[in-house]
Amino acid sequence: MLHKELTDNIKKVLNSADLIYKNEDYTSATILYFKVLFMVLDFIILKNTGATPKDHTERFRILEDKFPILYTLLDKYFKIYRSTYSASIDKKTCGEIKENVNKTIKEFKIEV
């Protein structure tokens, strides 16, 4: 059941992120794309370990241990997520996050 809830949430938030991106609010869209990325990573972790991480720290640890490529992706972009609290995000940066989120969804064949 949790798998279905996660995929439903991924779909809803991804649709919202895409709408906000189209409205050219790249900071808000980036925040939502990161939310989708976290849910996608949690889905992958759940599918492979049977549990979801309780926070960002645990997510990083699990990814580093079991999914080093996904760890590298998250580690590379996490500072952008943290910067959304105090800075505006431009279209190029938002587009890069969006592209990586969609690529990860496709790569892991997550139905959205």
Protein backbone atom coordinates (compact mmCIF):
# COMPACT_ATOMS: atom_id res chain seq x y z
CA MET A 1 0.00 0.00 0.00
CA LEU A 2 2.82 2.40 0.80
CA HIS A 3 4.21 1.89 -2.72
CA LYS A 4 0.90 3.08 -4.22
CA GLU A 5 0.69 6.06 -1.87
CA LEU A 6 4.22 7.11 -2.78
CA THR A 7 3.64 6.83 -6.53
CA ASP A 8 0.36 8.75 -6.22
CA ASN A 9 2.13 11.50 -4.28
CA ILE A 10 5.01 11.56 -6.76
CA LYS A 11 2.55 12.06 -9.59
CA LYS A 12 0.61 14.84 -7.82
CA VAL A 13 3.65 16.81 -6.72
CA LEU A 14 5.37 16.37 -10.10
CA ASN A 15 2.28 17.76 -11.83
CA SER A 16 2.28 20.73 -9.44
CA ALA A 17 5.99 21.33 -10.02
CA ASP A 18 5.45 21.27 -13.79
CA LEU A 19 2.60 23.79 -13.53
CA ILE A 20 4.65 26.14 -11.41
CA TYR A 21 7.61 25.75 -13.78
CA LYS A 22 5.35 26.78 -16.67
CA ASN A 23 4.37 29.87 -14.64
CA GLU A 24 8.08 30.74 -14.42
CA ASP A 25 8.30 30.53 -10.61
CA TYR A 26 11.55 28.59 -10.72
CA THR A 27 12.33 28.74 -7.01
CA SER A 28 9.00 27.20 -6.01
CA ALA A 29 9.21 24.68 -8.85
CA THR A 30 12.71 23.69 -7.70
CA ILE A 31 11.45 23.09 -4.16
CA LEU A 32 8.70 20.83 -5.51
CA TYR A 33 11.07 18.99 -7.87
CA PHE A 34 13.28 18.26 -4.87
CA LYS A 35 10.25 17.03 -2.94
CA VAL A 36 9.56 14.68 -5.86
CA LEU A 37 13.20 13.58 -5.90
CA PHE A 38 13.08 12.77 -2.19
CA MET A 39 9.88 10.75 -2.69
CA VAL A 40 11.39 8.93 -5.68
CA LEU A 41 14.52 8.08 -3.70
CA ASP A 42 12.39 6.91 -0.77
CA PHE A 43 10.36 4.74 -3.17
CA ILE A 44 13.55 3.17 -4.52
CA ILE A 45 14.85 2.60 -1.01
CA LEU A 46 11.51 1.13 0.12
CA LYS A 47 11.35 -1.19 -2.87
CA ASN A 48 14.86 -2.49 -2.20
CA THR A 49 15.04 -2.51 1.60
CA GLY A 50 11.44 -2.65 2.81
CA ALA A 51 11.73 0.60 4.79
CA THR A 52 11.86 4.33 4.17
CA PRO A 53 14.39 6.72 5.70
CA LYS A 54 13.21 8.91 8.58
CA ASP A 55 15.13 12.01 7.48
CA HIS A 56 17.64 13.45 5.01
CA THR A 57 20.62 12.13 6.98
CA GLU A 58 19.37 8.55 6.93
CA ARG A 59 18.47 8.90 3.23
CA PHE A 60 22.02 10.01 2.44
CA ARG A 61 23.51 7.09 4.42
CA ILE A 62 21.33 4.48 2.72
CA LEU A 63 22.01 5.92 -0.74
CA GLU A 64 25.74 6.10 -0.12
CA ASP A 65 25.77 2.44 0.96
CA LYS A 66 23.31 0.86 -1.49
CA PHE A 67 22.90 3.32 -4.39
CA PRO A 68 26.15 5.26 -4.86
CA ILE A 69 25.06 6.78 -8.19
CA LEU A 70 21.89 8.19 -6.60
CA TYR A 71 23.93 9.36 -3.63
CA THR A 72 26.24 11.27 -5.97
CA LEU A 73 23.24 12.87 -7.71
CA LEU A 74 21.65 13.98 -4.44
CA ASP A 75 24.93 15.13 -2.96
CA LYS A 76 25.68 17.22 -6.05
CA TYR A 77 22.35 19.08 -5.99
CA PHE A 78 21.43 19.18 -2.29
CA LYS A 79 23.13 22.56 -1.80
CA ILE A 80 20.70 24.00 -4.38
CA TYR A 81 17.78 22.70 -2.33
CA ARG A 82 19.24 24.31 0.78
CA SER A 83 19.71 27.60 -1.07
CA THR A 84 15.99 27.80 -1.93
CA TYR A 85 15.41 29.09 1.61
CA SER A 86 17.32 32.29 0.94
CA ALA A 87 17.95 32.70 -2.81
CA SER A 88 16.05 32.70 -6.06
CA ILE A 89 16.63 29.84 -8.46
CA ASP A 90 17.02 30.56 -12.16
CA LYS A 91 15.37 28.69 -15.04
CA LYS A 92 18.56 26.87 -16.05
CA THR A 93 19.18 25.47 -12.57
CA CYS A 94 15.53 24.51 -12.12
CA GLY A 95 15.54 22.84 -15.53
CA GLU A 96 18.59 20.80 -14.58
CA ILE A 97 16.87 19.56 -11.40
CA LYS A 98 13.67 18.83 -13.35
CA GLU A 99 15.62 16.86 -15.96
CA ASN A 100 17.39 14.74 -13.32
CA VAL A 101 14.13 14.01 -11.52
CA ASN A 102 12.45 12.85 -14.74
CA LYS A 103 15.52 10.82 -15.71
CA THR A 104 15.53 9.04 -12.33
CA ILE A 105 11.80 8.29 -12.60
CA LYS A 106 12.32 6.76 -16.05
CA GLU A 107 15.50 4.90 -15.11
CA PHE A 108 13.82 3.17 -12.20
CA LYS A 109 10.57 2.63 -14.11
CA ILE A 110 8.38 4.39 -11.56
CA GLU A 111 4.80 4.60 -12.78
CA VAL A 112 3.57 8.18 -12.58
